[in-house]
PDB file of all heavy atoms in Angstrom:
ATOM      1  N   VAL A   1      99.585 150.846  75.310  1.00  0.00           N
ATOM      2  CA  VAL A   1     100.302 152.113  75.117  1.00  0.00           C
ATOM      3  C   VAL A   1     100.885 152.560  76.441  1.00  0.00           C
ATOM      4  O   VAL A   1     100.236 152.484  77.480  1.00  0.00           O
ATOM      5  CB  VAL A   1      99.331 153.196  74.576  1.00  0.00           C
ATOM      6  CG1 VAL A   1     100.001 154.567  74.560  1.00  0.00           C
ATOM      7  CG2 VAL A   1      98.819 152.830  73.202  1.00  0.00           C
ATOM      8  N   GLY A   2     102.128 152.982  76.405  1.00  0.00           N
ATOM      9  CA  GLY A   2     102.752 153.515  77.610  1.00  0.00           C
ATOM     10  C   GLY A   2     103.481 152.483  78.461  1.00  0.00           C
ATOM     11  O   GLY A   2     104.189 152.857  79.415  1.00  0.00           O
ATOM     12  N   THR A   3     103.317 151.207  78.157  1.00  0.00           N
ATOM     13  CA  THR A   3     104.015 150.166  78.943  1.00  0.00           C
ATOM     14  C   THR A   3     105.501 150.300  78.727  1.00  0.00           C
ATOM     15  O   THR A   3     105.973 150.365  77.603  1.00  0.00           O
ATOM     16  CB  THR A   3     103.549 148.759  78.515  1.00  0.00           C
ATOM     17  OG1 THR A   3     102.155 148.662  78.653  1.00  0.00           O
ATOM     18  CG2 THR A   3     104.249 147.687  79.306  1.00  0.00           C
ATOM     19  N   ASP A   4     106.258 150.358  79.821  1.00  0.00           N
ATOM     20  CA  ASP A   4     107.712 150.384  79.656  1.00  0.00           C
ATOM     21  C   ASP A   4     108.416 149.371  80.551  1.00  0.00           C
ATOM     22  O   ASP A   4     109.606 149.194  80.495  1.00  0.00           O
ATOM     23  CB  ASP A   4     108.285 151.785  79.889  1.00  0.00           C
ATOM     24  CG  ASP A   4     107.818 152.436  81.176  1.00  0.00           C
ATOM     25  OD1 ASP A   4     107.124 151.788  81.949  1.00  0.00           O
ATOM     26  OD2 ASP A   4     108.141 153.614  81.377  1.00  0.00           O
ATOM     27  N   ALA A   5     107.629 148.660  81.358  1.00  0.00           N
ATOM     28  CA  ALA A   5     108.204 147.626  82.208  1.00  0.00           C
ATOM     29  C   ALA A   5     107.839 146.240  81.640  1.00  0.00           C
ATOM     30  O   ALA A   5     106.756 146.052  81.099  1.00  0.00           O
ATOM     31  CB  ALA A   5     107.680 147.749  83.633  1.00  0.00           C
ATOM     32  N   VAL A   6     108.762 145.326  81.765  1.00  0.00           N
ATOM     33  CA  VAL A   6     108.516 143.955  81.316  1.00  0.00           C
ATOM     34  C   VAL A   6     107.429 143.349  82.210  1.00  0.00           C
ATOM     35  O   VAL A   6     107.533 143.389  83.435  1.00  0.00           O
ATOM     36  CB  VAL A   6     109.795 143.113  81.400  1.00  0.00           C
ATOM     37  CG1 VAL A   6     109.532 141.663  81.031  1.00  0.00           C
ATOM     38  CG2 VAL A   6     110.885 143.695  80.501  1.00  0.00           C
ATOM     39  N   PRO A   7     106.368 142.805  81.615  1.00  0.00           N
ATOM     40  CA  PRO A   7     105.313 142.201  82.456  1.00  0.00           C
ATOM     41  C   PRO A   7     105.802 140.915  83.106  1.00  0.00           C
ATOM     42  O   PRO A   7     106.787 140.321  82.678  1.00  0.00           O
ATOM     43  CB  PRO A   7     104.185 141.917  81.444  1.00  0.00           C
ATOM     44  CG  PRO A   7     104.867 141.808  80.141  1.00  0.00           C
ATOM     45  CD  PRO A   7     106.081 142.691  80.189  1.00  0.00           C
ATOM     46  N   TYR A   8     105.053 140.484  84.131  1.00  0.00           N
ATOM     47  CA  TYR A   8     105.413 139.250  84.828  1.00  0.00           C
ATOM     48  C   TYR A   8     105.053 138.064  83.967  1.00  0.00           C
ATOM     49  O   TYR A   8     103.915 137.889  83.531  1.00  0.00           O
ATOM     50  CB  TYR A   8     104.678 139.176  86.164  1.00  0.00           C
ATOM     51  CG  TYR A   8     104.927 137.883  86.894  1.00  0.00           C
ATOM     52  CD1 TYR A   8     106.152 137.609  87.481  1.00  0.00           C
ATOM     53  CD2 TYR A   8     103.921 136.921  86.974  1.00  0.00           C
ATOM     54  CE1 TYR A   8     106.392 136.423  88.131  1.00  0.00           C
ATOM     55  CE2 TYR A   8     104.160 135.718  87.641  1.00  0.00           C
ATOM     56  CZ  TYR A   8     105.398 135.477  88.218  1.00  0.00           C
ATOM     57  OH  TYR A   8     105.628 134.310  88.861  1.00  0.00           O
ATOM     58  N   LEU A   9     106.045 137.231  83.676  1.00  0.00           N
ATOM     59  CA  LEU A   9     105.843 136.029  82.834  1.00  0.00           C
ATOM     60  C   LEU A   9     106.033 134.794  83.705  1.00  0.00           C
ATOM     61  O   LEU A   9     106.972 134.719  84.500  1.00  0.00           O
ATOM     62  CB  LEU A   9     106.844 136.054  81.684  1.00  0.00           C
ATOM     63  CG  LEU A   9     106.661 134.941  80.642  1.00  0.00           C
ATOM     64  CD1 LEU A   9     106.859 135.495  79.253  1.00  0.00           C
ATOM     65  CD2 LEU A   9     107.601 133.791  80.892  1.00  0.00           C
ATOM     66  N   SER A  10     105.109 133.844  83.537  1.00  0.00           N
ATOM     67  CA  SER A  10     105.246 132.553  84.246  1.00  0.00           C
ATOM     68  C   SER A  10     104.907 131.448  83.247  1.00  0.00           C
ATOM     69  O   SER A  10     104.457 131.711  82.123  1.00  0.00           O
ATOM     70  CB  SER A  10     104.318 132.521  85.453  1.00  0.00           C
ATOM     71  OG  SER A  10     102.980 132.754  85.081  1.00  0.00           O
ATOM     72  N   TYR A  11     105.106 130.239  83.664  1.00  0.00           N
ATOM     73  CA  TYR A  11     104.847 129.088  82.776  1.00  0.00           C
ATOM     74  C   TYR A  11     104.347 127.926  83.627  1.00  0.00           C
ATOM     75  O   TYR A  11     104.555 127.858  84.836  1.00  0.00           O
ATOM     76  CB  TYR A  11     106.097 128.683  81.988  1.00  0.00           C
ATOM     77  CG  TYR A  11     107.290 128.437  82.885  1.00  0.00           C
ATOM     78  CD1 TYR A  11     107.485 127.194  83.479  1.00  0.00           C
ATOM     79  CD2 TYR A  11     108.205 129.447  83.124  1.00  0.00           C
ATOM     80  CE1 TYR A  11     108.562 126.970  84.324  1.00  0.00           C
ATOM     81  CE2 TYR A  11     109.276 129.230  83.969  1.00  0.00           C
ATOM     82  CZ  TYR A  11     109.453 128.001  84.561  1.00  0.00           C
ATOM     83  OH  TYR A  11     110.517 127.775  85.404  1.00  0.00           O
ATOM     84  N   THR A  12     103.695 127.000  82.943  1.00  0.00           N
ATOM     85  CA  THR A  12     103.221 125.779  83.593  1.00  0.00           C
ATOM     86  C   THR A  12     103.777 124.599  82.827  1.00  0.00           C
ATOM     87  O   THR A  12     103.569 124.480  81.619  1.00  0.00           O
ATOM     88  CB  THR A  12     101.668 125.728  83.624  1.00  0.00           C
ATOM     89  OG1 THR A  12     101.179 126.907  84.253  1.00  0.00           O
ATOM     90  CG2 THR A  12     101.181 124.494  84.347  1.00  0.00           C
ATOM     91  N   LYS A  13     104.499 123.739  83.550  1.00  0.00           N
ATOM     92  CA  LYS A  13     105.076 122.548  82.908  1.00  0.00           C
ATOM     93  C   LYS A  13     103.962 121.571  82.537  1.00  0.00           C
ATOM     94  O   LYS A  13     102.944 121.472  83.247  1.00  0.00           O
ATOM     95  CB  LYS A  13     106.094 121.867  83.833  1.00  0.00           C
ATOM     96  CG  LYS A  13     107.283 122.726  84.165  1.00  0.00           C
ATOM     97  CD  LYS A  13     108.375 121.944  84.862  1.00  0.00           C
ATOM     98  CE  LYS A  13     108.169 121.901  86.358  1.00  0.00           C
ATOM     99  NZ  LYS A  13     109.306 121.249  87.050  1.00  0.00           N
ATOM    100  N   ALA A  14     104.170 120.846  81.451  1.00  0.00           N
ATOM    101  CA  ALA A  14     103.210 119.816  81.053  1.00  0.00           C
ATOM    102  C   ALA A  14     103.380 118.555  81.914  1.00  0.00           C
ATOM    103  O   ALA A  14     102.413 117.830  82.125  1.00  0.00           O
ATOM    104  CB  ALA A  14     103.382 119.468  79.579  1.00  0.00           C
ATOM    105  N   GLU A  15     104.583 118.330  82.394  1.00  0.00           N
ATOM    106  CA  GLU A  15     104.867 117.156  83.242  1.00  0.00           C
ATOM    107  C   GLU A  15     105.783 117.601  84.370  1.00  0.00           C
ATOM    108  O   GLU A  15     106.719 118.388  84.146  1.00  0.00           O
ATOM    109  CB  GLU A  15     105.511 116.046  82.426  1.00  0.00           C
ATOM    110  CG  GLU A  15     104.611 115.532  81.309  1.00  0.00           C
ATOM    111  CD  GLU A  15     105.269 114.486  80.420  1.00  0.00           C
ATOM    112  OE1 GLU A  15     106.488 114.231  80.561  1.00  0.00           O
ATOM    113  OE2 GLU A  15     104.551 113.920  79.580  1.00  0.00           O
ATOM    114  N   GLU A  16     105.544 117.105  85.546  1.00  0.00           N
ATOM    115  CA  GLU A  16     106.261 117.573  86.718  1.00  0.00           C
ATOM    116  C   GLU A  16     107.767 117.293  86.669  1.00  0.00           C
ATOM    117  O   GLU A  16     108.563 117.979  87.312  1.00  0.00           O
ATOM    118  CB  GLU A  16     105.668 116.975  87.986  1.00  0.00           C
ATOM    119  CG  GLU A  16     105.822 115.463  88.099  1.00  0.00           C
ATOM    120  CD  GLU A  16     105.196 114.909  89.362  1.00  0.00           C
ATOM    121  OE1 GLU A  16     103.944 114.837  89.419  1.00  0.00           O
ATOM    122  OE2 GLU A  16     105.973 114.570  90.259  1.00  0.00           O
ATOM    123  N   TRP A  17     108.217 116.270  85.929  1.00  0.00           N
ATOM    124  CA  TRP A  17     109.645 115.926  85.900  1.00  0.00           C
ATOM    125  C   TRP A  17     110.425 116.684  84.832  1.00  0.00           C
ATOM    126  O   TRP A  17     111.610 116.476  84.669  1.00  0.00           O
ATOM    127  CB  TRP A  17     109.842 114.409  85.721  1.00  0.00           C
ATOM    128  CG  TRP A  17     108.885 113.804  84.742  1.00  0.00           C
ATOM    129  CD1 TRP A  17     108.970 113.798  83.396  1.00  0.00           C
ATOM    130  CD2 TRP A  17     107.656 113.182  85.051  1.00  0.00           C
ATOM    131  NE1 TRP A  17     107.895 113.214  82.824  1.00  0.00           N
ATOM    132  CE2 TRP A  17     107.035 112.800  83.849  1.00  0.00           C
ATOM    133  CE3 TRP A  17     106.987 112.884  86.230  1.00  0.00           C
ATOM    134  CZ2 TRP A  17     105.820 112.155  83.762  1.00  0.00           C
ATOM    135  CZ3 TRP A  17     105.778 112.230  86.142  1.00  0.00           C
ATOM    136  CH2 TRP A  17     105.209 111.878  84.929  1.00  0.00           C
ATOM    137  N   GLN A  18     109.758 117.602  84.096  1.00  0.00           N
ATOM    138  CA  GLN A  18     110.489 118.454  83.159  1.00  0.00           C
ATOM    139  C   GLN A  18     111.376 119.425  83.943  1.00  0.00           C
ATOM    140  O   GLN A  18     111.067 119.807  85.056  1.00  0.00           O
ATOM    141  CB  GLN A  18     109.522 119.259  82.288  1.00  0.00           C
ATOM    142  CG  GLN A  18     108.713 118.436  81.310  1.00  0.00           C
ATOM    143  CD  GLN A  18     107.646 119.262  80.603  1.00  0.00           C
ATOM    144  OE1 GLN A  18     107.038 120.150  81.183  1.00  0.00           O
ATOM    145  NE2 GLN A  18     107.422 118.942  79.348  1.00  0.00           N
ATOM    146  N   THR A  19     112.476 119.823  83.301  1.00  0.00           N
ATOM    147  CA  THR A  19     113.345 120.853  83.861  1.00  0.00           C
ATOM    148  C   THR A  19     113.246 122.082  82.969  1.00  0.00           C
ATOM    149  O   THR A  19     113.210 121.948  81.732  1.00  0.00           O
ATOM    150  CB  THR A  19     114.810 120.371  83.895  1.00  0.00           C
ATOM    151  OG1 THR A  19     114.853 119.136  84.612  1.00  0.00           O
ATOM    152  CG2 THR A  19     115.707 121.392  84.558  1.00  0.00           C
ATOM    153  N   VAL A  20     113.174 123.267  83.566  1.00  0.00           N
ATOM    154  CA  VAL A  20     113.004 124.493  82.798  1.00  0.00           C
ATOM    155  C   VAL A  20     114.074 125.504  83.181  1.00  0.00           C
ATOM    156  O   VAL A  20     114.361 125.703  84.359  1.00  0.00           O
ATOM    157  CB  VAL A  20     111.610 125.116  83.049  1.00  0.00           C
ATOM    158  CG1 VAL A  20     111.444 126.411  82.281  1.00  0.00           C
ATOM    159  CG2 VAL A  20     110.498 124.134  82.688  1.00  0.00           C
ATOM    160  N   GLU A  21     114.673 126.098  82.149  1.00  0.00           N
ATOM    161  CA  GLU A  21     115.606 127.226  82.356  1.00  0.00           C
ATOM    162  C   GLU A  21     114.927 128.464  81.770  1.00  0.00           C
ATOM    163  O   GLU A  21     114.598 128.491  80.571  1.00  0.00           O
ATOM    164  CB  GLU A  21     116.919 126.980  81.602  1.00  0.00           C
ATOM    165  CG  GLU A  21     117.758 125.882  82.197  1.00  0.00           C
ATOM    166  CD  GLU A  21     119.054 125.624  81.408  1.00  0.00           C
ATOM    167  OE1 GLU A  21     119.279 126.334  80.380  1.00  0.00           O
ATOM    168  OE2 GLU A  21     119.792 124.725  81.797  1.00  0.00           O
ATOM    169  N   TYR A  22     114.723 129.459  82.598  1.00  0.00           N
ATOM    170  CA  TYR A  22     114.024 130.673  82.164  1.00  0.00           C
ATOM    171  C   TYR A  22     115.001 131.849  82.202  1.00  0.00           C
ATOM    172  O   TYR A  22     115.605 132.123  83.227  1.00  0.00           O
ATOM    173  CB  TYR A  22     112.819 130.946  83.073  1.00  0.00           C
ATOM    174  CG  TYR A  22     112.154 132.271  82.822  1.00  0.00           C
ATOM    175  CD1 TYR A  22     111.805 132.681  81.548  1.00  0.00           C
ATOM    176  CD2 TYR A  22     111.866 133.129  83.862  1.00  0.00           C
ATOM    177  CE1 TYR A  22     111.185 133.896  81.323  1.00  0.00           C
ATOM    178  CE2 TYR A  22     111.229 134.337  83.654  1.00  0.00           C
ATOM    179  CZ  TYR A  22     110.906 134.733  82.378  1.00  0.00           C
ATOM    180  OH  TYR A  22     110.283 135.944  82.150  1.00  0.00           O
ATOM    181  N   THR A  23     115.136 132.542  81.066  1.00  0.00           N
ATOM    182  CA  THR A  23     115.930 133.755  80.996  1.00  0.00           C
ATOM    183  C   THR A  23     114.989 134.934  80.883  1.00  0.00           C
ATOM    184  O   THR A  23     114.333 135.115  79.854  1.00  0.00           O
ATOM    185  CB  THR A  23     116.895 133.725  79.776  1.00  0.00           C
ATOM    186  OG1 THR A  23     117.672 132.518  79.845  1.00  0.00           O
ATOM    187  CG2 THR A  23     117.791 134.932  79.754  1.00  0.00           C
ATOM    188  N   GLU A  24     114.912 135.678  81.963  1.00  0.00           N
ATOM    189  CA  GLU A  24     113.995 136.824  82.042  1.00  0.00           C
ATOM    190  C   GLU A  24     114.578 138.021  81.295  1.00  0.00           C
ATOM    191  O   GLU A  24     115.760 138.347  81.461  1.00  0.00           O
ATOM    192  CB  GLU A  24     113.741 137.191  83.500  1.00  0.00           C
ATOM    193  CG  GLU A  24     112.701 138.243  83.679  1.00  0.00           C
ATOM    194  CD  GLU A  24     112.371 138.478  85.139  1.00  0.00           C
ATOM    195  OE1 GLU A  24     112.933 137.807  86.024  1.00  0.00           O
ATOM    196  OE2 GLU A  24     111.558 139.356  85.394  1.00  0.00           O
ATOM    197  N   PRO A  25     113.784 138.682  80.469  1.00  0.00           N
ATOM    198  CA  PRO A  25     114.288 139.874  79.769  1.00  0.00           C
ATOM    199  C   PRO A  25     114.447 141.046  80.732  1.00  0.00           C
ATOM    200  O   PRO A  25     113.731 141.149  81.713  1.00  0.00           O
ATOM    201  CB  PRO A  25     113.208 140.168  78.734  1.00  0.00           C
ATOM    202  CG  PRO A  25     111.974 139.570  79.286  1.00  0.00           C
ATOM    203  CD  PRO A  25     112.398 138.388  80.107  1.00  0.00           C
ATOM    204  N   THR A  26     115.423 141.911  80.451  1.00  0.00           N
ATOM    205  CA  THR A  26     115.627 143.095  81.286  1.00  0.00           C
ATOM    206  C   THR A  26     114.953 144.319  80.689  1.00  0.00           C
ATOM    207  O   THR A  26     114.871 145.358  81.336  1.00  0.00           O
ATOM    208  CB  THR A  26     117.124 143.364  81.490  1.00  0.00           C
ATOM    209  OG1 THR A  26     117.723 143.562  80.195  1.00  0.00           O
ATOM    210  CG2 THR A  26     117.786 142.211  82.220  1.00  0.00           C
ATOM    211  N   SER A  27     114.495 144.221  79.428  1.00  0.00           N
ATOM    212  CA  SER A  27     113.770 145.319  78.782  1.00  0.00           C
ATOM    213  C   SER A  27     112.795 144.744  77.758  1.00  0.00           C
ATOM    214  O   SER A  27     112.861 143.541  77.418  1.00  0.00           O
ATOM    215  CB  SER A  27     114.761 146.261  78.079  1.00  0.00           C
ATOM    216  OG  SER A  27     115.232 145.657  76.881  1.00  0.00           O
ATOM    217  N   LEU A  28     111.893 145.592  77.284  1.00  0.00           N
ATOM    218  CA  LEU A  28     110.910 145.139  76.298  1.00  0.00           C
ATOM    219  C   LEU A  28     111.560 144.750  74.964  1.00  0.00           C
ATOM    220  O   LEU A  28     110.950 144.067  74.151  1.00  0.00           O
ATOM    221  CB  LEU A  28     109.850 146.212  76.073  1.00  0.00           C
ATOM    222  CG  LEU A  28     108.968 146.530  77.261  1.00  0.00           C
ATOM    223  CD1 LEU A  28     108.000 147.658  76.926  1.00  0.00           C
ATOM    224  CD2 LEU A  28     108.206 145.304  77.730  1.00  0.00           C
ATOM    225  N   ALA A  29     112.772 145.193  74.725  1.00  0.00           N
ATOM    226  CA  ALA A  29     113.461 144.899  73.470  1.00  0.00           C
ATOM    227  C   ALA A  29     114.022 143.480  73.440  1.00  0.00           C
ATOM    228  O   ALA A  29     114.369 142.973  72.382  1.00  0.00           O
ATOM    229  CB  ALA A  29     114.574 145.912  73.244  1.00  0.00           C
ATOM    230  N   GLU A  30     114.095 142.832  74.586  1.00  0.00           N
ATOM    231  CA  GLU A  30     114.653 141.486  74.661  1.00  0.00           C
ATOM    232  C   GLU A  30     113.524 140.454  74.759  1.00  0.00           C
ATOM    233  O   GLU A  30     112.515 140.721  75.375  1.00  0.00           O
ATOM    234  CB  GLU A  30     115.542 141.348  75.899  1.00  0.00           C
ATOM    235  CG  GLU A  30     116.728 142.277  75.938  1.00  0.00           C
ATOM    236  CD  GLU A  30     117.450 142.188  77.289  1.00  0.00           C
ATOM    237  OE1 GLU A  30     117.120 141.338  78.110  1.00  0.00           O
ATOM    238  OE2 GLU A  30     118.353 143.010  77.482  1.00  0.00           O
ATOM    239  N   PRO A  31     113.739 139.250  74.218  1.00  0.00           N
ATOM    240  CA  PRO A  31     112.726 138.202  74.367  1.00  0.00           C
ATOM    241  C   PRO A  31     112.877 137.490  75.707  1.00  0.00           C
ATOM    242  O   PRO A  31     113.958 137.440  76.288  1.00  0.00           O
ATOM    243  CB  PRO A  31     113.034 137.238  73.218  1.00  0.00           C
ATOM    244  CG  PRO A  31     114.523 137.363  73.033  1.00  0.00           C
ATOM    245  CD  PRO A  31     114.831 138.810  73.319  1.00  0.00           C
ATOM    246  N   ALA A  32     111.775 136.950  76.175  1.00  0.00           N
ATOM    247  CA  ALA A  32     111.818 136.024  77.300  1.00  0.00           C
ATOM    248  C   ALA A  32     112.130 134.656  76.674  1.00  0.00           C
ATOM    249  O   ALA A  32     111.568 134.282  75.652  1.00  0.00           O
ATOM    250  CB  ALA A  32     110.482 135.982  78.015  1.00  0.00           C
ATOM    251  N   VAL A  33     113.071 133.929  77.251  1.00  0.00           N
ATOM    252  CA  VAL A  33     113.494 132.625  76.700  1.00  0.00           C
ATOM    253  C   VAL A  33     113.244 131.541  77.736  1.00  0.00           C
ATOM    254  O   VAL A  33     113.741 131.626  78.879  1.00  0.00           O
ATOM    255  CB  VAL A  33     114.990 132.659  76.296  1.00  0.00           C
ATOM    256  CG1 VAL A  33     115.413 131.329  75.708  1.00  0.00           C
ATOM    257  CG2 VAL A  33     115.278 133.808  75.334  1.00  0.00           C
ATOM    258  N   ILE A  34     112.445 130.554  77.336  1.00  0.00           N
ATOM    259  CA  ILE A  34     112.107 129.453  78.233  1.00  0.00           C
ATOM    260  C   ILE A  34     112.555 128.158  77.561  1.00  0.00           C
ATOM    261  O   ILE A  34     112.005 127.762  76.539  1.00  0.00           O
ATOM    262  CB  ILE A  34     110.585 129.410  78.506  1.00  0.00           C
ATOM    263  CG1 ILE A  34     110.090 130.753  79.017  1.00  0.00           C
ATOM    264  CG2 ILE A  34     110.251 128.293  79.490  1.00  0.00           C
ATOM    265  CD1 ILE A  34     108.575 130.892  79.016  1.00  0.00           C
ATOM    266  N   LYS A  35     113.561 127.519  78.137  1.00  0.00           N
ATOM    267  CA  LYS A  35     114.091 126.279  77.581  1.00  0.00           C
ATOM    268  C   LYS A  35     113.589 125.116  78.446  1.00  0.00           C
ATOM    269  O   LYS A  35     113.780 125.096  79.644  1.00  0.00           O
ATOM    270  CB  LYS A  35     115.619 126.309  77.540  1.00  0.00           C
ATOM    271  CG  LYS A  35     116.218 125.170  76.751  1.00  0.00           C
ATOM    272  CD  LYS A  35     117.700 125.411  76.521  1.00  0.00           C
ATOM    273  CE  LYS A  35     118.239 124.355  75.584  1.00  0.00           C
ATOM    274  NZ  LYS A  35     119.634 124.569  75.237  1.00  0.00           N
ATOM    275  N   VAL A  36     112.916 124.145  77.771  1.00  0.00           N
ATOM    276  CA  VAL A  36     112.295 123.019  78.487  1.00  0.00           C
ATOM    277  C   VAL A  36     113.045 121.732  78.134  1.00  0.00           C
ATOM    278  O   VAL A  36     113.241 121.428  76.954  1.00  0.00           O
ATOM    279  CB  VAL A  36     110.802 122.891  78.080  1.00  0.00           C
ATOM    280  CG1 VAL A  36     110.150 121.760  78.856  1.00  0.00           C
ATOM    281  CG2 VAL A  36     110.057 124.198  78.314  1.00  0.00           C
ATOM    282  N   PHE A  37     113.434 120.991  79.169  1.00  0.00           N
ATOM    283  CA  PHE A  37     114.116 119.720  78.995  1.00  0.00           C
ATOM    284  C   PHE A  37     113.153 118.608  79.399  1.00  0.00           C
ATOM    285  O   PHE A  37     112.562 118.651  80.481  1.00  0.00           O
ATOM    286  CB  PHE A  37     115.377 119.628  79.872  1.00  0.00           C
ATOM    287  CG  PHE A  37     116.411 120.659  79.538  1.00  0.00           C
ATOM    288  CD1 PHE A  37     116.367 121.930  80.100  1.00  0.00           C
ATOM    289  CD2 PHE A  37     117.430 120.367  78.661  1.00  0.00           C
ATOM    290  CE1 PHE A  37     117.328 122.868  79.795  1.00  0.00           C
ATOM    291  CE2 PHE A  37     118.409 121.301  78.344  1.00  0.00           C
ATOM    292  CZ  PHE A  37     118.357 122.569  78.914  1.00  0.00           C
ATOM    293  N   ALA A  38     113.008 117.604  78.530  1.00  0.00           N
ATOM    294  CA  ALA A  38     112.156 116.440  78.856  1.00  0.00           C
ATOM    295  C   ALA A  38     112.830 115.635  79.948  1.00  0.00           C
ATOM    296  O   ALA A  38     114.021 115.807  80.248  1.00  0.00           O
ATOM    297  CB  ALA A  38     111.967 115.594  77.605  1.00  0.00           C
ATOM    298  N   GLN A  39     112.082 114.713  80.527  1.00  0.00           N
ATOM    299  CA  GLN A  39     112.606 113.884  81.622  1.00  0.00           C
ATOM    300  C   GLN A  39     113.845 113.119  81.186  1.00  0.00           C
ATOM    301  O   GLN A  39     114.810 113.000  81.943  1.00  0.00           O
ATOM    302  CB  GLN A  39     111.534 112.907  82.100  1.00  0.00           C
ATOM    303  CG  GLN A  39     112.001 112.046  83.264  1.00  0.00           C
ATOM    304  CD  GLN A  39     110.953 111.021  83.669  1.00  0.00           C
ATOM    305  OE1 GLN A  39     110.063 110.684  82.909  1.00  0.00           O
ATOM    306  NE2 GLN A  39     111.076 110.514  84.897  1.00  0.00           N
ATOM    307  N   ASP A  40     113.869 112.662  79.905  1.00  0.00           N
ATOM    308  CA  ASP A  40     115.030 111.877  79.461  1.00  0.00           C
ATOM    309  C   ASP A  40     116.225 112.762  79.130  1.00  0.00           C
ATOM    310  O   ASP A  40     117.300 112.274  78.802  1.00  0.00           O
ATOM    311  CB  ASP A  40     114.640 110.983  78.266  1.00  0.00           C
ATOM    312  CG  ASP A  40     114.485 111.765  76.981  1.00  0.00           C
ATOM    313  OD1 ASP A  40     114.570 113.018  76.983  1.00  0.00           O
ATOM    314  OD2 ASP A  40     114.281 111.106  75.937  1.00  0.00           O
ATOM    315  N   ASN A  41     116.059 114.091  79.174  1.00  0.00           N
ATOM    316  CA  ASN A  41     117.105 115.091  78.982  1.00  0.00           C
ATOM    317  C   ASN A  41     117.688 115.127  77.563  1.00  0.00           C
ATOM    318  O   ASN A  41     118.592 115.892  77.292  1.00  0.00           O
ATOM    319  CB  ASN A  41     118.240 114.915  79.998  1.00  0.00           C
ATOM    320  CG  ASN A  41     118.513 116.204  80.734  1.00  0.00           C
ATOM    321  OD1 ASN A  41     117.749 117.150  80.614  1.00  0.00           O
ATOM    322  ND2 ASN A  41     119.604 116.248  81.474  1.00  0.00           N
ATOM    323  N   SER A  42     117.214 114.294  76.650  1.00  0.00           N
ATOM    324  CA  SER A  42     117.729 114.354  75.284  1.00  0.00           C
ATOM    325  C   SER A  42     116.810 115.202  74.395  1.00  0.00           C
ATOM    326  O   SER A  42     117.203 115.609  73.308  1.00  0.00           O
ATOM    327  CB  SER A  42     117.882 112.945  74.690  1.00  0.00           C
ATOM    328  OG  SER A  42     116.612 112.330  74.603  1.00  0.00           O
ATOM    329  N   TYR A  43     115.606 115.475  74.849  1.00  0.00           N
ATOM    330  CA  TYR A  43     114.652 116.296  74.100  1.00  0.00           C
ATOM    331  C   TYR A  43     114.504 117.659  74.772  1.00  0.00           C
ATOM    332  O   TYR A  43     114.310 117.723  75.996  1.00  0.00           O
ATOM    333  CB  TYR A  43     113.276 115.626  74.007  1.00  0.00           C
ATOM    334  CG  TYR A  43     113.276 114.433  73.077  1.00  0.00           C
ATOM    335  CD1 TYR A  43     113.594 113.166  73.599  1.00  0.00           C
ATOM    336  CD2 TYR A  43     112.975 114.560  71.746  1.00  0.00           C
ATOM    337  CE1 TYR A  43     113.608 112.044  72.771  1.00  0.00           C
ATOM    338  CE2 TYR A  43     113.008 113.449  70.913  1.00  0.00           C
ATOM    339  CZ  TYR A  43     113.320 112.195  71.415  1.00  0.00           C
ATOM    340  OH  TYR A  43     113.337 111.121  70.594  1.00  0.00           O
ATOM    341  N   THR A  44     114.642 118.724  73.960  1.00  0.00           N
ATOM    342  CA  THR A  44     114.472 120.081  74.487  1.00  0.00           C
ATOM    343  C   THR A  44     113.687 120.914  73.483  1.00  0.00           C
ATOM    344  O   THR A  44     113.743 120.663  72.267  1.00  0.00           O
ATOM    345  CB  THR A  44     115.809 120.790  74.745  1.00  0.00           C
ATOM    346  OG1 THR A  44     116.483 120.966  73.501  1.00  0.00           O
ATOM    347  CG2 THR A  44     116.669 120.030  75.718  1.00  0.00           C
TER     348      THR A  44
END
């Protein structure tokens, strides 16, 4: 109750060669979006 700031979000990759694009929300109404690309870049 009373939270109005977006909390700090972090992630841990399953494999070091993954690439991650993180879109941080600017308000609680927006989702945090984390897009993960596999090493072969064809799987996301």
